[in-house]
């Protein structure tokens, strides 16, 4: 019934979809196994992509040839570039999406991808022979063989849903949990644990009074995520989101359910996400706060369903409803379904290598929430990395590894495998020490060529990168050589509250002034506009960033060079840490458990001191 596949992907969430697409587009014959063909690429929580640091990840996925950016652009109902008031290293694209259109677009793209087969069934076990993953065993008893397996089980492994005092099995509301894989892997020596996440109630938008809320419209210009020319909505077509706030009455009503809360009565054992806490956790931990922000987000073009962002909860339904109706604009709210919490199995990611292959079983890869992360974007980028490496491993080719200085994706993978996580991991810009280099605007310049060489990024993408790179250099050359006369710039400078020119100045120097932007400068100086005629918009933007932040970019490149010296010092796989008597016992235990690939990775492991690294360096030198 089934051929031998190169790669089998278990689960069709964001990680699974990217893994299947990546491996197939590189040439592997792929089988995507899901328990429900109708929920492929389901947005289980909020109907949005991107945001702080997450937007950078989506652009990196797109630059590498993944699908998330394209799907997001095709299904968006609103777009915003966050943090515009800060430097470009902090700019983060975010889209509000049509939930159903997002999922249907993903499925259509996968169905149009050569080499991807689909099968609806639960995977209850893995075929492991001679320490290598060789396929899967399904709930219907089929044994399907492959050269590599990527497990992207999301919240489904032994998932348990909590609503107040009610508890039932499930990987998502109205969908059953998956069993068998955890038990098998634990028997094989894997370490497993439990995490928790949650989701808010869904509300009938017709029952809300938006006049009592703050409107949050989209941007006047839609940049989008993909570097390809993808059709998106016009700015005037965007749907607005809204903001409202809880109050003391809301908090008091929520407290009446604490004695029935699975969080506070001990029924939930898994640790929840620190940076996306439930509403009951917020008012318990931040008792001094008089109010908390609630984002009112539409679920799509053709639905009245509303996602209540900021009100994630597992309290009893009656408490959820009473508290909701105390929020301005929600006085007459009608609930479609209550919020809930879900506990699920994950495998601490220190059991993985940089390729997301497990150390214990060859050709077995994990991606997404099974590794302890939270968020669509974090899952999708892991799926891409795992899918690429599953393809490469099945062909015995060199692995694809991104360093911390290459991408936010590299930061995420390094954090997971070097430090592990005891709570759902979420990406922030602060986690990246080289964020001036890892901007959302230059992900294509950083990553597309790497992927193109491996056969994933298309020729169209590579041609776009070459044109952008050449255009950027051309614009920089013009700005470095163009002399601006005082009489053609002073009116513009006065308008921008900048000191007048008394003599000629290079356009590149003028651009370094605060409050001076290249677009406005071109509009205000006709000679410069003539010189820039025909230049690409993305080249103009890239040249401006590179010139304005040249000093900071240079400093970060120096730091990268220093770090790369440590990363080049590889530790042999068979290195015996017990022979290094001078390091601390904690360091020895951590090093034996994680087995870092380089001294650079060793230095980032929690509990490893600089002195331990120095001792290792000396010992390896001997």
Protein backbone atom coordinates (compact mmCIF):
# COMPACT_ATOMS: atom_id res chain seq x y z
CA UNK A 1 0.00 0.00 0.00
CA UNK A 2 2.86 2.37 0.81
CA UNK A 3 6.24 2.84 -0.92
CA UNK A 4 9.46 3.42 1.02
CA UNK A 5 9.64 7.13 1.72
CA UNK A 6 12.72 9.27 2.16
CA UNK A 7 11.08 11.26 4.99
CA UNK A 8 7.93 10.69 7.04
CA UNK A 9 6.62 13.73 8.91
CA UNK A 10 4.36 13.02 11.89
CA UNK A 11 1.88 15.85 12.48
CA UNK A 12 0.65 18.61 10.16
CA UNK A 13 0.88 21.70 12.32
CA UNK A 14 3.20 24.60 11.49
CA UNK A 15 6.35 22.55 12.13
CA UNK A 16 5.12 19.53 10.21
CA UNK A 17 4.00 21.53 7.20
CA UNK A 18 7.33 23.35 6.88
CA UNK A 19 9.25 20.09 7.38
CA UNK A 20 7.29 18.32 4.66
CA UNK A 21 7.58 21.23 2.22
CA UNK A 22 11.33 21.68 2.80
CA UNK A 23 12.25 18.00 2.41
CA UNK A 24 10.01 17.61 -0.66
CA UNK A 25 11.29 20.73 -2.39
CA UNK A 26 14.84 19.50 -1.89
CA UNK A 27 13.94 16.26 -3.66
CA UNK A 28 12.81 13.81 -0.97
CA UNK A 29 9.72 11.64 -1.32
CA UNK A 30 7.69 12.71 1.73
CA UNK A 31 4.68 11.32 3.57
CA UNK A 32 2.82 13.76 5.85
CA UNK A 33 0.79 11.81 8.42
CA UNK A 34 -1.92 13.68 10.32
CA UNK A 35 -4.82 12.60 12.51
CA UNK A 36 -7.15 15.00 10.68
CA UNK A 37 -6.74 16.20 7.11
CA UNK A 38 -9.20 19.03 7.84
CA UNK A 39 -6.93 20.69 10.41
CA UNK A 40 -3.68 20.94 8.47
CA UNK A 41 -1.80 24.13 9.53
CA UNK A 42 -4.51 24.98 12.04
CA UNK A 43 -3.95 28.22 13.97
CA UNK A 44 -4.77 26.63 17.32
CA UNK A 45 -4.45 29.87 19.26
CA UNK A 46 -4.47 33.47 17.99
CA UNK A 47 -5.03 34.12 14.27
CA UNK A 48 -1.81 36.09 13.75
CA UNK A 49 1.75 35.63 12.54
CA UNK A 50 4.93 37.50 13.44
CA UNK A 51 5.43 40.11 16.12
CA UNK A 52 8.49 41.01 18.18
CA UNK A 53 11.34 38.68 17.06
CA UNK A 54 8.74 36.26 15.66
CA UNK A 55 8.36 38.46 12.57
CA UNK A 56 12.11 38.17 11.98
CA UNK A 57 11.76 34.38 12.14
CA UNK A 58 8.98 34.34 9.52
CA UNK A 59 11.11 36.44 7.18
CA UNK A 60 14.04 34.05 7.74
CA UNK A 61 11.81 31.08 6.94
CA UNK A 62 10.77 32.83 3.75
CA UNK A 63 14.35 33.71 2.82
CA UNK A 64 15.27 30.03 3.12
CA UNK A 65 12.42 28.98 0.84
CA UNK A 66 9.77 28.05 3.41
CA UNK A 67 6.06 28.69 2.96
CA UNK A 68 4.98 30.51 6.16
CA UNK A 69 5.66 34.02 4.84
CA UNK A 70 3.79 33.41 1.59
CA UNK A 71 0.79 31.87 3.38
CA UNK A 72 0.71 34.73 5.88
CA UNK A 73 0.75 37.35 3.12
CA UNK A 74 -2.02 35.61 1.17
CA UNK A 75 -4.30 35.26 4.20
CA UNK A 76 -3.66 38.51 6.09
CA UNK A 77 -6.52 40.82 7.05
CA UNK A 78 -4.24 43.39 8.68
CA UNK A 79 -0.52 44.23 8.67
CA UNK A 80 1.60 46.25 11.09
CA UNK A 81 5.34 46.85 11.37
CA UNK A 82 5.93 46.95 15.11
CA UNK A 83 8.58 49.10 16.83
CA UNK A 84 8.90 51.62 13.99
CA UNK A 85 9.86 54.26 16.57
CA UNK A 86 13.01 52.26 17.42
CA UNK A 87 16.04 51.28 15.34
CA UNK A 88 15.63 48.85 12.42
CA UNK A 89 17.05 45.96 14.47
CA UNK A 90 13.80 46.10 16.47
CA UNK A 91 11.34 46.46 13.57
CA UNK A 92 9.11 43.40 13.55
CA UNK A 93 6.39 42.60 10.99
CA UNK A 94 3.07 41.22 12.25
CA UNK A 95 -0.07 40.16 10.42
CA UNK A 96 -3.60 39.44 11.57
CA UNK A 97 -4.85 36.50 9.51
CA UNK A 98 -8.02 34.83 8.37
CA UNK A 99 -7.81 31.58 10.32
CA UNK A 100 -9.61 29.40 7.77
CA UNK A 101 -7.92 31.01 4.75
CA UNK A 102 -4.49 30.51 6.37
CA UNK A 103 -5.07 26.77 6.80
CA UNK A 104 -6.66 26.27 3.37
CA UNK A 105 -3.81 28.18 1.68
CA UNK A 106 -1.23 25.99 3.45
CA UNK A 107 -3.03 22.84 2.34
CA UNK A 108 -3.30 24.06 -1.25
CA UNK A 109 0.42 24.87 -1.36
CA UNK A 110 1.32 21.45 0.06
CA UNK A 111 -0.98 19.69 -2.39
CA UNK A 112 0.73 21.56 -5.22
CA UNK A 113 4.18 20.54 -3.93
CA UNK A 114 5.62 17.62 -5.83
CA UNK A 115 6.80 14.69 -3.73
CA UNK A 116 4.34 15.25 -0.83
CA UNK A 117 1.88 12.44 -0.05
CA UNK A 118 -0.76 12.62 2.70
CA UNK A 119 -2.24 10.00 5.00
CA UNK A 120 -4.83 10.43 7.75
CA UNK A 121 -4.13 8.24 10.76
CA UNK A 122 -2.59 8.44 14.23
CA UNK A 123 1.04 7.41 14.59
CA UNK A 124 1.21 5.21 17.70
CA UNK A 125 4.85 4.14 17.39
CA UNK A 126 8.11 4.42 15.51
CA UNK A 127 10.00 1.68 13.68
CA UNK A 128 13.44 1.62 15.31
CA UNK A 129 16.06 -0.85 14.13
CA UNK A 130 19.77 -0.88 14.93
CA UNK A 131 19.52 2.51 16.67
CA UNK A 132 17.97 4.16 13.62
CA UNK A 133 14.45 5.42 12.85
CA UNK A 134 13.11 3.53 9.84
CA UNK A 135 9.44 4.46 9.72
CA UNK A 136 6.19 4.63 11.69
CA UNK A 137 3.41 2.37 12.94
CA UNK A 138 -0.10 3.81 12.62
CA UNK A 139 -3.23 3.33 14.67
CA UNK A 140 -4.72 1.20 11.88
CA UNK A 141 -1.69 -1.09 12.10
CA UNK A 142 0.19 0.03 8.99
CA UNK A 143 3.98 -0.13 9.10
CA UNK A 144 5.27 2.58 6.75
CA UNK A 145 9.02 2.62 6.18
CA UNK A 146 11.32 5.56 5.49
CA UNK A 147 14.92 6.69 5.69
CA UNK A 148 14.17 9.43 8.24
CA UNK A 149 11.30 10.46 10.52
CA UNK A 150 10.40 13.96 11.74
CA UNK A 151 8.06 14.07 14.76
CA UNK A 152 6.07 17.31 15.10
CA UNK A 153 3.35 16.28 17.54
CA UNK A 154 2.48 19.72 18.95
CA UNK A 155 0.29 19.48 22.06
CA UNK A 156 -1.12 16.07 21.14
CA UNK A 157 1.23 13.67 22.98
CA UNK A 158 -0.93 12.49 25.91
CA UNK A 159 -2.72 15.84 25.81
CA UNK A 160 -5.16 16.67 28.62
CA UNK A 161 -7.58 19.62 28.44
CA UNK A 162 -8.70 21.51 31.58
CA UNK A 163 -11.76 23.76 31.95
CA UNK A 164 -12.40 24.48 35.63
CA UNK A 165 -13.00 21.15 37.36
CA UNK A 166 -13.60 19.38 34.05
CA UNK A 167 -10.74 17.35 32.60
CA UNK A 168 -10.68 15.30 29.40
CA UNK A 169 -8.12 13.95 26.95
CA UNK A 170 -7.39 15.88 23.78
CA UNK A 171 -4.67 17.50 21.73
CA UNK A 172 -6.89 20.43 20.86
CA UNK A 173 -10.57 21.15 21.55
CA UNK A 174 -12.76 18.48 19.89
CA UNK A 175 -9.67 16.50 18.79
CA UNK A 176 -8.30 13.39 20.48
CA UNK A 177 -4.83 13.09 21.99
CA UNK A 178 -2.04 10.94 20.53
CA UNK A 179 -0.66 8.04 22.54
CA UNK A 180 2.16 5.54 22.24
CA UNK A 181 5.13 7.60 21.07
CA UNK A 182 6.09 8.98 24.50
CA UNK A 183 5.94 5.56 26.13
CA UNK A 184 8.08 3.98 23.42
CA UNK A 185 10.73 6.70 23.51
CA UNK A 186 10.94 6.66 27.31
CA UNK A 187 11.56 2.90 27.13
CA UNK A 188 14.39 3.65 24.71
CA UNK A 189 16.00 5.95 27.28
CA UNK A 190 14.60 9.38 26.34
CA UNK A 191 13.73 11.89 29.05
CA UNK A 192 10.18 13.29 28.84
CA UNK A 193 8.30 15.92 30.85
CA UNK A 194 5.06 17.93 30.81
CA UNK A 195 4.29 21.51 29.78
CA UNK A 196 1.11 23.53 29.73
CA UNK A 197 -0.36 26.14 27.43
CA UNK A 198 -3.78 27.70 27.07
CA UNK A 199 -6.18 29.64 24.90
CA UNK A 200 -8.88 32.28 25.54
CA UNK A 201 -12.65 32.15 24.92
CA UNK A 202 -14.03 32.88 21.45
CA UNK A 203 -16.77 35.53 21.28
CA UNK A 204 -19.56 36.52 18.87
CA UNK A 205 -18.35 39.85 17.45
CA UNK A 206 -21.93 40.98 16.83
CA UNK A 207 -22.44 41.16 20.60
CA UNK A 208 -19.57 43.60 21.24
CA UNK A 209 -19.71 47.39 21.55
CA UNK A 210 -16.61 48.60 19.68
CA UNK A 211 -17.38 52.25 20.49
CA UNK A 212 -16.15 51.56 24.02
CA UNK A 213 -12.77 50.29 22.77
CA UNK A 214 -9.68 51.82 21.17
CA UNK A 215 -9.40 51.06 17.46
CA UNK A 216 -6.10 49.61 16.25
CA UNK A 217 -5.94 49.98 12.44
CA UNK A 218 -3.30 48.50 10.15
CA UNK A 219 -0.36 50.34 8.58
CA UNK A 220 -0.77 52.70 5.64
CA UNK A 221 1.86 50.65 3.79
CA UNK A 222 1.81 46.84 3.72
CA UNK A 223 5.32 45.40 3.61
CA UNK A 224 4.37 41.78 4.21
CA UNK A 225 6.66 38.85 5.03
CA UNK A 226 7.69 37.27 1.75
CA UNK A 227 10.59 38.48 -0.38
CA UNK A 228 8.71 37.15 -3.39
CA UNK A 229 6.09 39.25 -5.17
CA UNK A 230 2.99 37.92 -3.38
CA UNK A 231 -0.44 39.50 -3.86
CA UNK A 232 -1.67 41.01 -0.58
CA UNK A 233 -4.60 43.16 0.42
CA UNK A 234 -4.62 46.92 -0.11
CA UNK A 235 -4.19 49.07 3.02
CA UNK A 236 -7.77 50.35 2.70
CA UNK A 237 -9.14 46.79 2.85
CA UNK A 238 -7.66 45.97 6.27
CA UNK A 239 -9.79 44.91 9.23
CA UNK A 240 -9.16 46.79 12.46
CA UNK A 241 -8.37 45.18 15.77
CA UNK A 242 -9.42 46.86 19.04
CA UNK A 243 -8.04 47.27 22.55
CA UNK A 244 -9.90 47.30 25.84
CA UNK A 245 -8.93 46.66 29.48
CA UNK A 246 -9.89 44.58 32.47
CA UNK A 247 -10.74 46.37 35.72
CA UNK A 248 -11.01 45.70 39.46
CA UNK A 249 -14.48 44.20 39.05
CA UNK A 250 -13.11 41.79 36.40
CA UNK A 251 -10.33 40.73 38.75
CA UNK A 252 -12.70 40.17 41.68
CA UNK A 253 -15.01 38.05 39.53
CA UNK A 254 -12.07 35.97 38.29
CA UNK A 255 -10.94 35.36 41.88
CA UNK A 256 -14.29 33.75 42.72
CA UNK A 257 -13.23 30.80 40.56
CA UNK A 258 -9.77 30.31 42.02
CA UNK A 259 -10.97 27.48 44.29
CA UNK A 260 -12.06 25.60 41.14
CA UNK A 261 -9.04 26.58 39.01
CA UNK A 262 -6.93 23.61 37.85
CA UNK A 263 -3.90 25.93 38.07
CA UNK A 264 -4.36 26.73 41.74
CA UNK A 265 -5.73 23.38 42.94
CA UNK A 266 -2.73 21.42 41.63
CA UNK A 267 -4.47 19.47 38.87
CA UNK A 268 -2.18 21.09 36.29
CA UNK A 269 1.41 19.99 36.84
CA UNK A 270 2.98 21.26 33.62
CA UNK A 271 4.73 24.63 33.57
CA UNK A 272 3.02 27.31 31.47
CA UNK A 273 4.54 30.05 29.28
CA UNK A 274 6.05 32.82 31.39
CA UNK A 275 5.51 35.52 28.77
CA UNK A 276 1.95 34.57 27.84
CA UNK A 277 0.32 33.83 31.20
CA UNK A 278 -3.35 33.09 31.76
CA UNK A 279 -5.54 35.94 33.00
CA UNK A 280 -5.87 34.29 36.44
CA UNK A 281 -2.10 33.98 36.64
CA UNK A 282 -1.74 37.69 35.74
CA UNK A 283 -4.04 38.96 38.47
CA UNK A 284 -2.48 36.57 40.99
CA UNK A 285 1.14 37.46 40.17
CA UNK A 286 0.55 41.17 39.50
CA UNK A 287 -1.98 41.94 42.23
CA UNK A 288 -0.99 45.62 42.23
CA UNK A 289 -2.05 46.11 38.59
CA UNK A 290 -5.46 47.76 38.28
CA UNK A 291 -6.01 46.62 34.70
CA UNK A 292 -4.64 44.39 31.96
CA UNK A 293 -4.76 44.97 28.21
CA UNK A 294 -7.16 42.92 26.10
CA UNK A 295 -6.71 42.75 22.31
CA UNK A 296 -9.92 42.13 20.39
CA UNK A 297 -8.90 40.32 17.19
CA UNK A 298 -11.19 39.29 14.30
CA UNK A 299 -10.80 35.67 13.16
CA UNK A 300 -11.25 36.39 9.46
CA UNK A 301 -13.07 38.08 6.60
CA UNK A 302 -16.28 36.06 6.60
CA UNK A 303 -16.84 35.26 10.26
CA UNK A 304 -18.07 37.17 13.31
CA UNK A 305 -15.86 35.09 15.62
CA UNK A 306 -13.51 37.11 17.83
CA UNK A 307 -10.29 36.02 19.55
CA UNK A 308 -9.87 37.64 22.99
CA UNK A 309 -6.08 38.01 23.13
CA UNK A 310 -4.87 38.48 26.71
CA UNK A 311 -7.69 36.48 28.33
CA UNK A 312 -6.25 32.95 28.16
CA UNK A 313 -7.86 30.96 30.98
CA UNK A 314 -8.81 27.54 32.32
CA UNK A 315 -11.33 28.82 34.89
CA UNK A 316 -14.89 27.39 34.94
CA UNK A 317 -17.10 28.61 32.08
CA UNK A 318 -19.48 30.55 34.31
CA UNK A 319 -16.58 32.50 35.86
CA UNK A 320 -15.07 33.19 32.44
CA UNK A 321 -18.38 34.56 31.18
CA UNK A 322 -19.14 36.78 34.20
CA UNK A 323 -15.63 38.26 34.13
CA UNK A 324 -15.77 38.88 30.39
CA UNK A 325 -19.03 40.84 30.65
CA UNK A 326 -17.40 43.24 33.13
CA UNK A 327 -14.91 44.41 30.47
CA UNK A 328 -15.81 47.64 28.58
CA UNK A 329 -17.42 46.69 25.26
CA UNK A 330 -18.13 43.11 26.40
CA UNK A 331 -21.20 43.85 28.56
CA UNK A 332 -23.51 41.85 26.25
CA UNK A 333 -20.92 39.39 24.96
CA UNK A 334 -22.03 35.98 23.72
CA UNK A 335 -19.49 33.19 24.06
CA UNK A 336 -18.87 30.74 21.22
CA UNK A 337 -16.68 28.52 23.40
CA UNK A 338 -14.75 28.88 26.64
CA UNK A 339 -11.01 29.12 27.05
CA UNK A 340 -9.07 26.09 28.25
CA UNK A 341 -5.62 24.91 29.31
CA UNK A 342 -3.86 21.90 27.85
CA UNK A 343 -1.06 19.77 29.27
CA UNK A 344 1.11 17.69 26.96
CA UNK A 345 4.36 15.72 26.78
CA UNK A 346 7.60 17.21 25.52
CA UNK A 347 11.17 15.98 25.31
CA UNK A 348 13.83 18.30 26.78
CA UNK A 349 15.73 19.55 23.70
CA UNK A 350 19.20 18.99 25.17
CA UNK A 351 18.67 15.47 23.76
CA UNK A 352 19.07 16.91 20.23
CA UNK A 353 21.92 17.98 17.97
CA UNK A 354 22.11 21.24 15.97
CA UNK A 355 20.24 19.54 13.12
CA UNK A 356 17.35 18.69 15.52
CA UNK A 357 18.20 15.01 15.15
CA UNK A 358 18.00 13.05 18.39
CA UNK A 359 21.32 11.96 19.87
CA UNK A 360 19.96 8.60 20.99
CA UNK A 361 18.26 7.49 17.75
CA UNK A 362 19.81 8.23 14.36
CA UNK A 363 17.58 9.66 11.59
CA UNK A 364 14.90 10.68 14.11
CA UNK A 365 14.18 14.42 14.25
CA UNK A 366 11.97 16.49 16.59
CA UNK A 367 10.48 19.89 15.75
CA UNK A 368 8.02 22.28 17.38
CA UNK A 369 6.31 22.01 20.75
CA UNK A 370 7.71 18.52 21.31
CA UNK A 371 10.99 20.44 21.92
CA UNK A 372 9.44 22.73 24.54
CA UNK A 373 8.78 25.80 22.42
CA UNK A 374 5.62 27.86 22.10
CA UNK A 375 4.39 29.82 19.09
CA UNK A 376 3.66 29.11 15.43
CA UNK A 377 6.82 30.87 14.26
CA UNK A 378 9.16 28.99 16.60
CA UNK A 379 7.56 25.71 15.52
CA UNK A 380 7.66 26.52 11.80
CA UNK A 381 11.36 27.39 11.75
CA UNK A 382 12.23 24.17 13.59
CA UNK A 383 10.18 22.22 11.07
CA UNK A 384 12.13 23.84 8.25
CA UNK A 385 15.49 22.98 9.86
CA UNK A 386 14.42 19.42 10.69
CA UNK A 387 12.95 18.84 7.22
CA UNK A 388 16.07 20.11 5.48
CA UNK A 389 18.33 17.97 7.65
CA UNK A 390 16.14 14.88 7.39
CA UNK A 391 16.50 15.14 3.60
CA UNK A 392 20.26 15.67 3.83
CA UNK A 393 20.72 12.83 6.33
CA UNK A 394 18.72 10.41 4.19
CA UNK A 395 21.20 11.13 1.39
CA UNK A 396 24.24 11.07 3.67
CA UNK A 397 25.04 14.70 2.82
CA UNK A 398 26.54 17.39 5.08
CA UNK A 399 24.04 18.89 7.57
CA UNK A 400 22.52 22.37 7.42
CA UNK A 401 23.38 24.31 10.58
CA UNK A 402 22.69 27.98 11.31
CA UNK A 403 24.93 29.76 13.82
CA UNK A 404 23.75 32.37 16.32
CA UNK A 405 25.31 35.03 14.11
CA UNK A 406 23.45 33.74 11.02
CA UNK A 407 19.82 33.98 12.10
CA UNK A 408 17.29 34.13 14.91
CA UNK A 409 16.62 30.52 13.94
CA UNK A 410 20.25 29.76 14.86
CA UNK A 411 19.78 31.48 18.22
CA UNK A 412 16.64 29.45 18.91
CA UNK A 413 18.21 26.09 18.07
CA UNK A 414 21.39 26.86 20.03
CA UNK A 415 19.37 28.00 23.07
CA UNK A 416 17.29 24.83 23.00
CA UNK A 417 20.06 22.27 22.64
CA UNK A 418 22.62 24.07 24.85
CA UNK A 419 20.42 25.38 27.66
CA UNK A 420 17.25 23.33 27.37
CA UNK A 421 14.03 24.76 28.73
CA UNK A 422 11.86 24.16 31.78
CA UNK A 423 9.00 26.31 30.45
CA UNK A 424 7.61 26.92 26.96
CA UNK A 425 10.38 28.73 25.05
CA UNK A 426 9.48 31.94 23.23
CA UNK A 427 11.79 34.01 21.03
CA UNK A 428 12.60 37.64 21.91
CA UNK A 429 14.98 40.11 20.27
CA UNK A 430 16.88 40.23 23.58
CA UNK A 431 17.91 36.58 23.14
CA UNK A 432 20.00 37.51 20.07
CA UNK A 433 23.32 39.17 20.86
CA UNK A 434 23.77 40.13 17.20
CA UNK A 435 20.34 41.60 16.50
CA UNK A 436 21.74 44.59 14.57
CA UNK A 437 22.95 42.05 12.01
CA UNK A 438 19.84 39.85 12.24
CA UNK A 439 17.25 42.34 11.01
CA UNK A 440 13.99 41.49 9.29
CA UNK A 441 14.96 43.58 6.23
CA UNK A 442 18.11 41.60 5.38
CA UNK A 443 17.08 37.99 6.03
CA UNK A 444 17.25 37.29 2.28
CA UNK A 445 20.78 38.71 2.02
CA UNK A 446 21.86 36.55 4.97
CA UNK A 447 20.20 33.24 4.19
CA UNK A 448 18.87 32.75 0.66
CA UNK A 449 22.21 31.89 -0.94
CA UNK A 450 22.86 29.19 1.71
CA UNK A 451 19.52 27.59 0.96
CA UNK A 452 19.87 28.03 -2.81
CA UNK A 453 23.12 26.02 -2.77
CA UNK A 454 21.25 23.17 -1.05
CA UNK A 455 18.48 23.20 -3.63
CA UNK A 456 15.66 24.64 -1.51
CA UNK A 457 15.51 28.38 -2.26
CA UNK A 458 14.40 28.90 -5.86
CA UNK A 459 16.24 30.61 -8.71
CA UNK A 460 13.65 33.39 -8.51
CA UNK A 461 14.64 34.04 -4.90
CA UNK A 462 18.34 33.99 -5.72
CA UNK A 463 17.87 36.38 -8.64
CA UNK A 464 16.01 38.74 -6.32
CA UNK A 465 18.85 38.67 -3.79
CA UNK A 466 21.45 39.41 -6.47
CA UNK A 467 19.40 42.33 -7.79
CA UNK A 468 18.83 43.70 -4.27
CA UNK A 469 22.52 43.38 -3.37
CA UNK A 470 23.67 45.10 -6.56
CA UNK A 471 21.01 47.79 -6.19
CA UNK A 472 22.04 48.45 -2.59
CA UNK A 473 25.67 48.95 -3.58
CA UNK A 474 24.62 51.27 -6.42
CA UNK A 475 22.52 53.42 -4.06
CA UNK A 476 25.32 53.56 -1.48
CA UNK A 477 27.78 54.64 -4.18
CA UNK A 478 25.48 57.49 -5.24
CA UNK A 479 25.00 58.65 -1.65
CA UNK A 480 28.73 58.51 -0.90
CA UNK A 481 29.56 60.60 -3.99
CA UNK A 482 26.59 62.98 -4.26
CA UNK A 483 27.33 66.50 -2.95
CA UNK A 484 24.28 68.37 -1.55
CA UNK A 485 24.25 72.16 -1.92
CA UNK A 486 23.06 74.23 1.08
CA UNK A 487 20.37 76.01 -0.92
CA UNK A 488 18.73 72.72 -2.01
CA UNK A 489 18.73 71.15 1.45
CA UNK A 490 18.19 73.86 4.07
CA UNK A 491 14.40 74.13 3.75
CA UNK A 492 14.18 70.36 4.17
CA UNK A 493 16.57 70.44 7.15
CA UNK A 494 14.66 73.26 8.84
CA UNK A 495 11.42 71.30 8.49
CA UNK A 496 13.11 68.36 10.22
CA UNK A 497 14.59 70.58 12.96
CA UNK A 498 18.14 69.88 11.80
CA UNK A 499 20.98 72.41 11.55
CA UNK A 500 21.34 74.23 8.22
CA UNK A 501 24.25 73.55 5.86
CA UNK A 502 26.87 76.25 5.36
CA UNK A 503 28.78 74.32 2.71
CA UNK A 504 28.44 71.27 0.49
CA UNK A 505 27.98 67.93 2.23
CA UNK A 506 27.87 64.36 0.98
CA UNK A 507 24.38 62.90 0.97
CA UNK A 508 25.67 59.95 3.01
CA UNK A 509 26.78 62.32 5.79
CA UNK A 510 23.47 64.16 5.73
CA UNK A 511 21.69 60.84 6.11
CA UNK A 512 23.48 60.18 9.41
CA UNK A 513 21.63 63.04 11.11
CA UNK A 514 18.76 62.25 13.50
CA UNK A 515 15.25 62.52 12.00
CA UNK A 516 16.62 62.48 8.43
CA UNK A 517 15.30 59.69 6.21
CA UNK A 518 16.35 58.80 2.68
CA UNK A 519 12.84 58.79 1.21
CA UNK A 520 12.11 62.33 2.43
CA UNK A 521 15.57 63.49 1.35
CA UNK A 522 15.01 62.20 -2.20
CA UNK A 523 11.59 63.89 -2.39
CA UNK A 524 13.05 67.21 -1.20
CA UNK A 525 16.19 67.33 -3.37
CA UNK A 526 15.29 67.07 -7.11
CA UNK A 527 18.89 66.43 -8.23
CA UNK A 528 19.15 63.49 -5.82
CA UNK A 529 15.76 62.18 -7.00
CA UNK A 530 17.06 62.24 -10.59
CA UNK A 531 20.22 60.39 -9.56
CA UNK A 532 18.13 57.72 -7.79
CA UNK A 533 15.64 57.23 -10.61
CA UNK A 534 14.99 53.57 -11.34
CA UNK A 535 16.53 52.24 -8.10
CA UNK A 536 14.66 49.43 -6.30
CA UNK A 537 12.69 50.33 -3.17
CA UNK A 538 14.27 47.50 -1.17
CA UNK A 539 17.74 48.67 -2.29
CA UNK A 540 17.00 52.22 -1.09
CA UNK A 541 15.85 50.92 2.29
CA UNK A 542 18.80 48.55 2.65
CA UNK A 543 21.36 51.21 1.71
CA UNK A 544 19.89 53.63 4.25
CA UNK A 545 20.08 51.08 7.08
CA UNK A 546 23.61 50.02 6.18
CA UNK A 547 24.91 53.59 6.05
CA UNK A 548 23.08 54.83 9.15
CA UNK A 549 24.15 51.90 11.31
CA UNK A 550 27.53 51.19 9.75
CA UNK A 551 29.46 51.68 13.02
CA UNK A 552 27.17 49.38 15.01
CA UNK A 553 27.14 46.75 12.27
CA UNK A 554 30.95 46.87 12.16
CA UNK A 555 31.21 46.34 15.92
CA UNK A 556 28.88 43.35 15.82
CA UNK A 557 30.85 41.81 12.96
CA UNK A 558 33.99 42.06 15.11
CA UNK A 559 32.18 40.26 17.94
CA UNK A 560 31.03 37.58 15.51
CA UNK A 561 34.63 37.01 14.43
CA UNK A 562 35.69 36.54 18.04
CA UNK A 563 32.82 34.14 18.71
CA UNK A 564 33.60 32.17 15.56
CA UNK A 565 37.07 31.45 16.93
CA UNK A 566 35.43 29.54 19.79
CA UNK A 567 32.94 27.91 17.43
CA UNK A 568 35.78 26.62 15.27
CA UNK A 569 37.25 24.67 18.21
CA UNK A 570 35.33 21.40 17.87
CA UNK A 571 35.13 18.92 20.73
CA UNK A 572 35.50 15.27 19.60
CA UNK A 573 32.34 13.17 20.00
CA UNK A 574 34.20 10.68 22.17
CA UNK A 575 35.81 13.30 24.43
CA UNK A 576 36.07 11.90 28.00
CA UNK A 577 35.11 14.65 30.44
CA UNK A 578 35.83 12.44 33.45
CA UNK A 579 39.55 12.82 32.70
CA UNK A 580 39.39 16.61 33.16
CA UNK A 581 39.73 16.75 36.93
CA UNK A 582 40.04 20.54 37.25
CA UNK A 583 36.51 21.44 36.10
CA UNK A 584 33.60 21.59 38.55
CA UNK A 585 31.35 18.58 39.14
CA UNK A 586 28.33 20.54 37.81
CA UNK A 587 30.21 21.41 34.62
CA UNK A 588 31.27 17.79 34.14
CA UNK A 589 27.70 16.52 34.54
CA UNK A 590 26.30 19.11 32.13
CA UNK A 591 29.01 18.48 29.54
CA UNK A 592 28.52 14.70 29.69
CA UNK A 593 24.76 15.12 29.29
CA UNK A 594 24.68 17.71 26.48
CA UNK A 595 27.97 16.79 24.77
CA UNK A 596 28.52 20.18 23.08
CA UNK A 597 29.84 20.22 19.52
CA UNK A 598 32.22 23.16 20.05
CA UNK A 599 33.82 25.15 22.86
CA UNK A 600 31.51 28.01 21.89
CA UNK A 601 28.46 25.86 22.58
CA UNK A 602 30.03 24.60 25.81
CA UNK A 603 30.45 28.19 27.02
CA UNK A 604 26.68 28.80 26.65
CA UNK A 605 25.56 25.82 28.74
CA UNK A 606 24.00 26.85 32.06
CA UNK A 607 26.38 26.02 34.89
CA UNK A 608 29.56 26.19 32.76
CA UNK A 609 31.90 28.91 33.99
CA UNK A 610 34.54 30.75 31.92
CA UNK A 611 37.23 28.96 33.94
CA UNK A 612 35.77 25.59 32.93
CA UNK A 613 35.99 26.60 29.27
CA UNK A 614 39.59 27.75 29.69
CA UNK A 615 40.51 24.43 31.29
CA UNK A 616 38.84 22.53 28.45
CA UNK A 617 40.70 24.64 25.91
CA UNK A 618 44.05 23.88 27.55
CA UNK A 619 43.25 20.19 27.86
CA UNK A 620 42.21 19.94 24.20
CA UNK A 621 45.40 21.77 23.22
CA UNK A 622 47.42 19.07 24.92
